[in-house]
Amino acid sequence: MAGRAALACTLAVCGCLRPSEERARQDAEIGQAEVEALRAQIEGGQGVVRQLEPGYVSLWESAPRLRLQLAYSEPPPGELWIEVANCMPGAQLAAAPELPVLSGERDRSGICRFQLAPPPELRELELTIAPPESERPGRFRFAVLSDVQEAINRVQDIYTRLNAIAAEPEGLDFLLGAGDLTERGTGEQLERFQAELTQLRVPYYTTLGNHELGQNPTLFHDYFGRGSQSFEYRGVRFSLIDSASATVDPIVFGWLAQWLEAGRDQLHVVAMHIPPLDPFGVRNGAFASRSEAAKLLARLAEGGVDLTLYGHIHSYYHFDNAGIPAYISGGGGAIPERFDQIGRHFLVVEADAEAQRLDVRLVRVD
């Protein structure tokens, strides 16, 4: 009996070993904050509330369109400032109920600032911050960069190259990341990464990688928001998945089912750090469980996903998984794969929601 009890206990403990569960629960709390007289809620957790006061709200934006609800329990101050870091170029603020925007600008570091004058009787306010064309299906370009890690001192020339592409007539709307921003995910390293992003002309939306797990609890969420989230931009659905522990938590699988349904009739791009399957199978660069990898890929295929993007392996590979075009791009500067001669690089993706096309090209920096 004692042996059976010990076995049952062991199985119970093993059944609860979900290495990314805590991060999934952190995701669910992102975008909420409350102080005396004011409560703030970002729809979908697509941003971090950095500072909250009745007359001043500071946010980090994690998606191209941000919707913010403010609820006052007493008359608001006559002046309200909204500051949004990692803001989209051309972003405008719309308020419901309608309020005049007294001032609005985006500085060179990517911070948008808006000034409003709420009336004293106002108690609830919904704000939308986005470029005017963000809901209209059309053509646009985005880039993909992952695995910077210890190369933070060399990433500046990559940003210069990205800025040059953003200045082209076709433009560049944002940069997508598949994790491993830092060496160990410390507060100092995450702050440094954000500071370097101020050189970019476009915002950076990213999930986390295994190198962000060096701190317990993980600090990534405090700086960049959710590790798993989904948003729509110009008729294309984007879903970022936290696979930093070589697994996807059941909570995230539940969210993914909703995101796949929302994107079923659209182009759908899915990005995560560790790929479910290593296309060559010799570097241990895949999920810990092949059955879970097969389960995830089957769901992505059944959900009609059009493109999958991964990092983790410090090179470039193009292949198919479950019939879905897949790209591994880990060219942000971390120690490269030997002998492949790829070097630092990023991807540029041309998206056309109306033509249902996603065209990917490799841009080498070295």
Protein backbone atom coordinates (compact mmCIF):
# COMPACT_ATOMS: atom_id res chain seq x y z
CA MET A 1 0.00 0.00 0.00
CA ALA A 2 2.83 2.39 0.86
CA GLY A 3 4.38 1.69 -2.54
CA ARG A 4 1.08 2.40 -4.30
CA ALA A 5 0.64 5.63 -2.37
CA ALA A 6 4.14 6.74 -3.29
CA LEU A 7 3.49 5.90 -6.93
CA ALA A 8 0.18 7.76 -6.92
CA CYS A 9 1.87 10.77 -5.36
CA THR A 10 4.63 10.67 -7.96
CA LEU A 11 2.15 10.47 -10.81
CA ALA A 12 0.13 13.34 -9.36
CA VAL A 13 3.22 15.50 -9.12
CA CYS A 14 4.31 14.58 -12.65
CA GLY A 15 0.84 15.38 -13.93
CA CYS A 16 1.20 18.89 -12.58
CA LEU A 17 4.56 19.57 -14.19
CA ARG A 18 3.60 22.34 -16.60
CA PRO A 19 6.72 24.47 -17.03
CA SER A 20 4.93 27.30 -18.86
CA GLU A 21 1.71 27.38 -16.79
CA GLU A 22 2.85 30.28 -14.63
CA ARG A 23 3.67 32.34 -17.72
CA ALA A 24 0.27 31.59 -19.25
CA ARG A 25 -1.37 32.85 -16.07
CA GLN A 26 0.85 35.94 -16.21
CA ASP A 27 -0.38 36.50 -19.76
CA ALA A 28 -3.97 36.57 -18.53
CA GLU A 29 -3.15 39.41 -16.11
CA ILE A 30 -1.38 41.67 -18.62
CA GLY A 31 -3.04 44.97 -19.53
CA GLN A 32 -4.87 45.53 -16.23
CA ALA A 33 -4.08 48.11 -13.57
CA GLU A 34 -5.94 50.00 -10.87
CA VAL A 35 -5.25 52.97 -8.60
CA GLU A 36 -7.53 54.99 -6.40
CA ALA A 37 -10.31 56.47 -8.55
CA LEU A 38 -9.17 54.82 -11.81
CA ARG A 39 -9.16 51.37 -13.40
CA ALA A 40 -7.49 50.63 -16.75
CA GLN A 41 -8.00 47.63 -19.04
CA ILE A 42 -6.28 46.98 -22.39
CA GLU A 43 -8.41 44.77 -24.62
CA GLY A 44 -6.79 41.40 -25.26
CA GLY A 45 -3.88 42.27 -22.99
CA GLN A 46 -2.17 43.81 -26.01
CA GLY A 47 -0.07 46.21 -23.98
CA VAL A 48 1.57 46.81 -20.61
CA VAL A 49 0.33 49.52 -18.23
CA ARG A 50 3.58 51.13 -17.13
CA GLN A 51 2.17 53.97 -15.04
CA LEU A 52 -1.37 54.87 -14.07
CA GLU A 53 -2.63 58.13 -12.60
CA PRO A 54 -6.00 59.89 -13.01
CA GLY A 55 -4.42 62.42 -15.38
CA TYR A 56 -1.62 60.32 -16.90
CA VAL A 57 -1.48 56.84 -18.45
CA SER A 58 1.75 55.32 -19.77
CA LEU A 59 1.62 52.15 -21.90
CA TRP A 60 3.86 49.79 -23.85
CA GLU A 61 2.03 48.70 -26.99
CA SER A 62 2.26 45.03 -28.04
CA ALA A 63 0.05 45.12 -31.15
CA PRO A 64 -0.70 47.57 -33.99
CA ARG A 65 -4.16 48.44 -32.65
CA LEU A 66 -4.65 49.18 -28.98
CA ARG A 67 -8.01 49.59 -27.26
CA LEU A 68 -7.96 51.00 -23.73
CA GLN A 69 -10.90 51.27 -21.34
CA LEU A 70 -10.65 53.74 -18.46
CA ALA A 71 -13.18 53.73 -15.60
CA TYR A 72 -13.21 56.63 -13.11
CA SER A 73 -14.92 56.40 -9.73
CA GLU A 74 -14.84 60.19 -9.29
CA PRO A 75 -14.59 63.20 -11.63
CA PRO A 76 -11.47 62.96 -13.80
CA PRO A 77 -8.94 65.78 -13.92
CA GLY A 78 -9.48 68.38 -16.63
CA GLU A 79 -6.36 67.24 -18.48
CA LEU A 80 -5.54 63.64 -19.46
CA TRP A 81 -2.27 62.58 -21.09
CA ILE A 82 -1.92 59.20 -22.82
CA GLU A 83 1.66 58.09 -23.58
CA VAL A 84 2.22 54.99 -25.71
CA ALA A 85 5.71 53.53 -26.24
CA ASN A 86 6.40 51.17 -29.19
CA CYS A 87 3.66 53.05 -31.03
CA MET A 88 2.79 52.57 -34.71
CA PRO A 89 3.83 55.38 -37.09
CA GLY A 90 0.78 57.36 -38.10
CA ALA A 91 -1.21 56.21 -35.07
CA GLN A 92 -4.21 58.34 -34.16
CA LEU A 93 -6.38 58.40 -31.07
CA ALA A 94 -10.17 58.07 -31.17
CA ALA A 95 -12.29 58.36 -28.03
CA ALA A 96 -15.76 57.10 -27.14
CA PRO A 97 -17.59 59.14 -26.05
CA GLU A 98 -16.05 61.47 -28.59
CA LEU A 99 -13.58 63.96 -27.16
CA PRO A 100 -11.36 66.42 -29.01
CA VAL A 101 -7.67 65.49 -29.09
CA LEU A 102 -5.87 68.65 -28.01
CA SER A 103 -2.47 67.39 -29.16
CA GLY A 104 -0.94 64.25 -30.58
CA GLU A 105 2.52 63.35 -31.86
CA ARG A 106 5.00 60.46 -32.26
CA ASP A 107 8.61 61.22 -31.45
CA ARG A 108 11.73 59.64 -32.96
CA SER A 109 11.94 57.07 -30.16
CA GLY A 110 8.53 55.62 -31.06
CA ILE A 111 6.48 57.21 -28.27
CA CYS A 112 3.05 58.66 -29.09
CA ARG A 113 1.61 61.31 -26.78
CA PHE A 114 -2.01 62.45 -26.81
CA GLN A 115 -3.74 65.12 -24.72
CA LEU A 116 -7.46 65.06 -23.91
CA ALA A 117 -9.76 67.22 -21.82
CA PRO A 118 -12.41 64.93 -20.27
CA PRO A 119 -15.54 66.61 -18.86
CA PRO A 120 -16.11 66.31 -15.09
CA GLU A 121 -19.19 64.09 -15.54
CA LEU A 122 -17.23 61.47 -17.48
CA ARG A 123 -16.85 58.09 -15.75
CA GLU A 124 -16.00 55.67 -18.57
CA LEU A 125 -13.81 56.28 -21.59
CA GLU A 126 -12.75 53.93 -24.40
CA LEU A 127 -9.70 54.88 -26.44
CA THR A 128 -8.48 53.36 -29.69
CA ILE A 129 -4.91 54.08 -30.76
CA ALA A 130 -4.05 52.89 -34.27
CA PRO A 131 -3.18 54.04 -37.80
CA PRO A 132 -6.33 54.86 -39.79
CA GLU A 133 -5.72 52.08 -42.34
CA SER A 134 -5.04 49.33 -39.80
CA GLU A 135 -8.50 47.73 -40.12
CA ARG A 136 -8.62 47.96 -43.90
CA PRO A 137 -7.35 44.82 -45.72
CA GLY A 138 -4.48 45.58 -48.05
CA ARG A 139 -0.81 45.16 -48.85
CA PHE A 140 1.94 45.77 -46.31
CA ARG A 141 5.35 44.49 -45.24
CA PHE A 142 6.66 43.31 -41.90
CA ALA A 143 10.05 41.94 -40.86
CA VAL A 144 11.09 39.05 -38.58
CA LEU A 145 14.12 39.16 -36.27
CA SER A 146 14.98 36.75 -33.44
CA ASP A 147 17.85 35.52 -31.26
CA VAL A 148 19.82 38.67 -30.53
CA GLN A 149 20.96 37.46 -27.08
CA GLU A 150 24.56 38.46 -26.32
CA ALA A 151 24.87 40.43 -29.59
CA ILE A 152 23.00 43.48 -28.25
CA ASN A 153 26.12 45.60 -28.91
CA ARG A 154 26.01 44.64 -32.61
CA VAL A 155 22.29 44.82 -33.34
CA GLN A 156 22.42 48.51 -34.25
CA ASP A 157 23.48 47.89 -37.85
CA ILE A 158 20.59 45.46 -38.26
CA TYR A 159 18.25 48.23 -37.11
CA THR A 160 19.89 50.61 -39.58
CA ARG A 161 19.18 48.13 -42.37
CA LEU A 162 15.58 47.73 -41.21
CA ASN A 163 15.15 51.51 -41.13
CA ALA A 164 16.42 51.73 -44.71
CA ILE A 165 13.78 49.18 -45.78
CA ALA A 166 11.14 51.13 -43.85
CA ALA A 167 12.12 54.23 -45.85
CA GLU A 168 11.49 52.48 -49.18
CA PRO A 169 8.26 53.32 -51.06
CA GLU A 170 6.70 49.98 -49.99
CA GLY A 171 7.51 50.79 -46.36
CA LEU A 172 7.75 48.44 -43.38
CA ASP A 173 4.92 48.41 -40.87
CA PHE A 174 6.43 46.52 -37.91
CA LEU A 175 9.03 44.01 -36.76
CA LEU A 176 7.95 40.60 -35.44
CA GLY A 177 10.11 38.68 -32.95
CA ALA A 178 10.30 34.96 -32.12
CA GLY A 179 12.17 35.26 -28.82
CA ASP A 180 15.65 35.15 -27.25
CA LEU A 181 16.03 38.89 -26.96
CA THR A 182 18.53 38.61 -24.11
CA GLU A 183 21.09 36.28 -22.52
CA ARG A 184 19.25 35.61 -19.25
CA GLY A 185 16.14 37.80 -19.18
CA THR A 186 17.34 40.09 -16.37
CA GLY A 187 15.72 43.46 -15.84
CA GLU A 188 18.91 45.20 -16.93
CA GLN A 189 19.09 43.19 -20.16
CA LEU A 190 15.41 43.71 -21.00
CA GLU A 191 15.74 47.45 -20.36
CA ARG A 192 18.80 47.57 -22.62
CA PHE A 193 16.92 45.75 -25.37
CA GLN A 194 14.04 48.23 -25.14
CA ALA A 195 16.45 51.15 -25.14
CA GLU A 196 18.05 49.95 -28.39
CA LEU A 197 14.59 49.61 -29.97
CA THR A 198 14.22 53.40 -29.84
CA GLN A 199 16.51 53.49 -32.89
CA LEU A 200 13.90 51.64 -34.96
CA ARG A 201 11.41 53.53 -37.10
CA VAL A 202 8.83 50.77 -36.58
CA PRO A 203 7.48 48.97 -33.48
CA TYR A 204 8.57 45.50 -32.34
CA TYR A 205 6.04 42.84 -31.34
CA THR A 206 7.55 39.69 -29.88
CA THR A 207 7.14 36.53 -27.88
CA LEU A 208 9.82 35.21 -25.53
CA GLY A 209 12.45 32.50 -25.87
CA ASN A 210 14.22 30.12 -23.52
CA HIS A 211 16.90 32.74 -22.81
CA GLU A 212 14.23 34.94 -21.18
CA LEU A 213 13.69 32.22 -18.57
CA GLY A 214 16.86 32.94 -16.59
CA GLN A 215 14.89 34.78 -13.88
CA ASN A 216 12.20 33.38 -11.62
CA PRO A 217 9.60 34.72 -11.94
CA THR A 218 10.11 35.62 -15.58
CA LEU A 219 10.44 39.40 -16.08
CA PHE A 220 9.61 39.47 -19.80
CA HIS A 221 5.93 40.28 -19.20
CA ASP A 222 6.74 43.44 -17.25
CA TYR A 223 8.53 44.88 -20.27
CA PHE A 224 6.99 43.38 -23.42
CA GLY A 225 3.62 42.03 -22.30
CA ARG A 226 2.10 38.69 -23.19
CA GLY A 227 4.17 35.78 -24.41
CA SER A 228 1.08 34.38 -26.17
CA GLN A 229 -1.33 36.73 -27.91
CA SER A 230 -3.16 37.29 -31.17
CA PHE A 231 -4.02 40.40 -33.17
CA GLU A 232 -5.32 41.36 -36.59
CA TYR A 233 -3.73 43.90 -38.90
CA ARG A 234 -4.91 44.89 -42.39
CA GLY A 235 -6.81 41.65 -42.90
CA VAL A 236 -4.06 39.32 -41.61
CA ARG A 237 -4.25 37.43 -38.30
CA PHE A 238 -1.02 37.16 -36.25
CA SER A 239 -0.67 34.74 -33.33
CA LEU A 240 2.39 34.65 -31.08
CA ILE A 241 2.82 31.48 -29.01
CA ASP A 242 5.02 30.97 -25.94
CA SER A 243 7.02 27.80 -26.70
CA ALA A 244 10.07 28.88 -24.69
CA SER A 245 9.93 25.71 -22.55
CA ALA A 246 9.71 23.42 -25.61
CA THR A 247 6.02 22.95 -24.91
CA VAL A 248 2.74 24.89 -25.12
CA ASP A 249 0.66 25.12 -21.98
CA PRO A 250 -2.94 23.80 -22.10
CA ILE A 251 -4.21 27.30 -21.27
CA VAL A 252 -2.52 28.60 -24.42
CA PHE A 253 -3.92 25.68 -26.44
CA GLY A 254 -7.34 26.91 -25.36
CA TRP A 255 -6.61 30.45 -26.54
CA LEU A 256 -5.16 29.11 -29.79
CA ALA A 257 -8.45 27.38 -30.61
CA GLN A 258 -10.18 30.76 -30.44
CA TRP A 259 -7.49 32.47 -32.52
CA LEU A 260 -7.59 29.79 -35.19
CA GLU A 261 -11.35 30.18 -35.46
CA ALA A 262 -11.02 33.99 -35.67
CA GLY A 263 -8.43 33.69 -38.45
CA ARG A 264 -10.04 30.86 -40.41
CA ASP A 265 -11.15 33.10 -43.29
CA GLN A 266 -7.99 35.25 -43.24
CA LEU A 267 -4.30 34.87 -43.86
CA HIS A 268 -2.89 33.64 -40.56
CA VAL A 269 0.75 33.93 -39.44
CA VAL A 270 1.88 32.02 -36.33
CA ALA A 271 5.24 32.70 -34.64
CA MET A 272 6.92 30.97 -31.69
CA HIS A 273 10.47 30.47 -30.44
CA ILE A 274 11.19 26.72 -30.32
CA PRO A 275 9.76 24.92 -33.37
CA PRO A 276 7.59 21.86 -32.73
CA LEU A 277 9.88 19.74 -34.94
CA ASP A 278 13.50 20.27 -35.91
CA PRO A 279 13.55 19.88 -39.72
CA PHE A 280 16.92 18.09 -39.52
CA GLY A 281 16.50 16.45 -36.12
CA VAL A 282 20.12 16.64 -34.99
CA ARG A 283 20.29 19.70 -32.72
CA ASN A 284 17.65 19.03 -30.08
CA GLY A 285 15.92 22.16 -31.35
CA ALA A 286 12.33 21.01 -31.02
CA PHE A 287 9.54 20.24 -28.56
CA ALA A 288 10.29 17.86 -25.72
CA SER A 289 7.34 15.70 -26.80
CA ARG A 290 6.95 14.60 -30.41
CA SER A 291 3.31 13.74 -29.75
CA GLU A 292 2.63 17.27 -28.53
CA ALA A 293 4.48 18.64 -31.56
CA ALA A 294 2.26 16.55 -33.84
CA LYS A 295 -0.84 17.71 -31.95
CA LEU A 296 0.08 21.38 -32.34
CA LEU A 297 0.95 21.09 -36.03
CA ALA A 298 -2.28 19.21 -36.70
CA ARG A 299 -4.27 22.01 -35.08
CA LEU A 300 -2.42 24.67 -37.07
CA ALA A 301 -3.07 22.78 -40.29
CA GLU A 302 -6.74 22.19 -39.48
CA GLY A 303 -7.07 25.88 -38.60
CA GLY A 304 -5.80 26.94 -42.01
CA VAL A 305 -2.59 28.66 -40.85
CA ASP A 306 -0.69 30.04 -43.83
CA LEU A 307 2.80 30.69 -42.43
CA THR A 308 4.79 29.58 -39.37
CA LEU A 309 7.87 31.42 -38.09
CA TYR A 310 10.41 30.15 -35.56
CA GLY A 311 13.69 31.12 -33.92
CA HIS A 312 15.94 29.21 -31.49
CA ILE A 313 18.21 27.65 -34.14
CA HIS A 314 20.77 30.29 -35.06
CA SER A 315 20.51 29.94 -38.80
CA TYR A 316 18.00 30.11 -41.64
CA TYR A 317 15.86 27.25 -42.92
CA HIS A 318 12.81 27.07 -45.15
CA PHE A 319 10.67 23.94 -45.08
CA ASP A 320 7.07 22.76 -44.70
CA ASN A 321 5.47 21.31 -41.59
CA ALA A 322 2.03 19.74 -41.87
CA GLY A 323 1.82 21.38 -45.30
CA ILE A 324 2.35 24.86 -43.83
CA PRO A 325 5.29 26.96 -45.11
CA ALA A 326 7.77 27.28 -42.24
CA TYR A 327 10.84 29.44 -41.68
CA ILE A 328 13.47 29.25 -38.97
CA SER A 329 15.25 32.58 -38.62
CA GLY A 330 17.60 32.95 -35.66
CA GLY A 331 19.90 35.55 -37.19
CA GLY A 332 19.85 38.37 -34.64
CA GLY A 333 23.50 37.84 -33.74
CA ALA A 334 23.63 34.94 -31.27
CA ILE A 335 26.42 32.37 -31.79
CA PRO A 336 25.70 31.05 -35.31
CA GLU A 337 25.44 27.49 -36.53
CA ARG A 338 28.84 26.31 -37.73
CA PHE A 339 29.66 26.05 -41.44
CA ASP A 340 26.28 27.22 -42.74
CA GLN A 341 27.68 30.65 -43.77
CA ILE A 342 24.32 32.36 -43.22
CA GLY A 343 25.41 34.90 -40.61
CA ARG A 344 23.20 37.60 -39.18
CA HIS A 345 19.99 38.10 -41.07
CA PHE A 346 16.28 38.84 -40.86
CA LEU A 347 13.21 38.14 -42.97
CA VAL A 348 10.94 40.53 -44.84
CA VAL A 349 7.40 39.33 -45.52
CA GLU A 350 5.15 40.96 -48.11
CA ALA A 351 1.52 40.40 -47.12
CA ASP A 352 -1.48 40.98 -49.34
CA ALA A 353 -4.78 40.12 -47.66
CA GLU A 354 -6.84 40.71 -50.80
CA ALA A 355 -4.64 38.50 -53.01
CA GLN A 356 -4.17 36.00 -50.14
CA ARG A 357 -0.39 36.05 -50.54
CA LEU A 358 2.55 35.95 -48.13
CA ASP A 359 5.95 36.22 -49.83
CA VAL A 360 9.06 35.77 -47.65
CA ARG A 361 12.62 36.80 -48.49
CA LEU A 362 15.89 36.55 -46.61
CA VAL A 363 17.91 39.73 -45.96
CA ARG A 364 21.53 39.09 -44.97
CA VAL A 365 23.29 41.65 -42.83
CA ASP A 366 26.79 40.10 -42.71
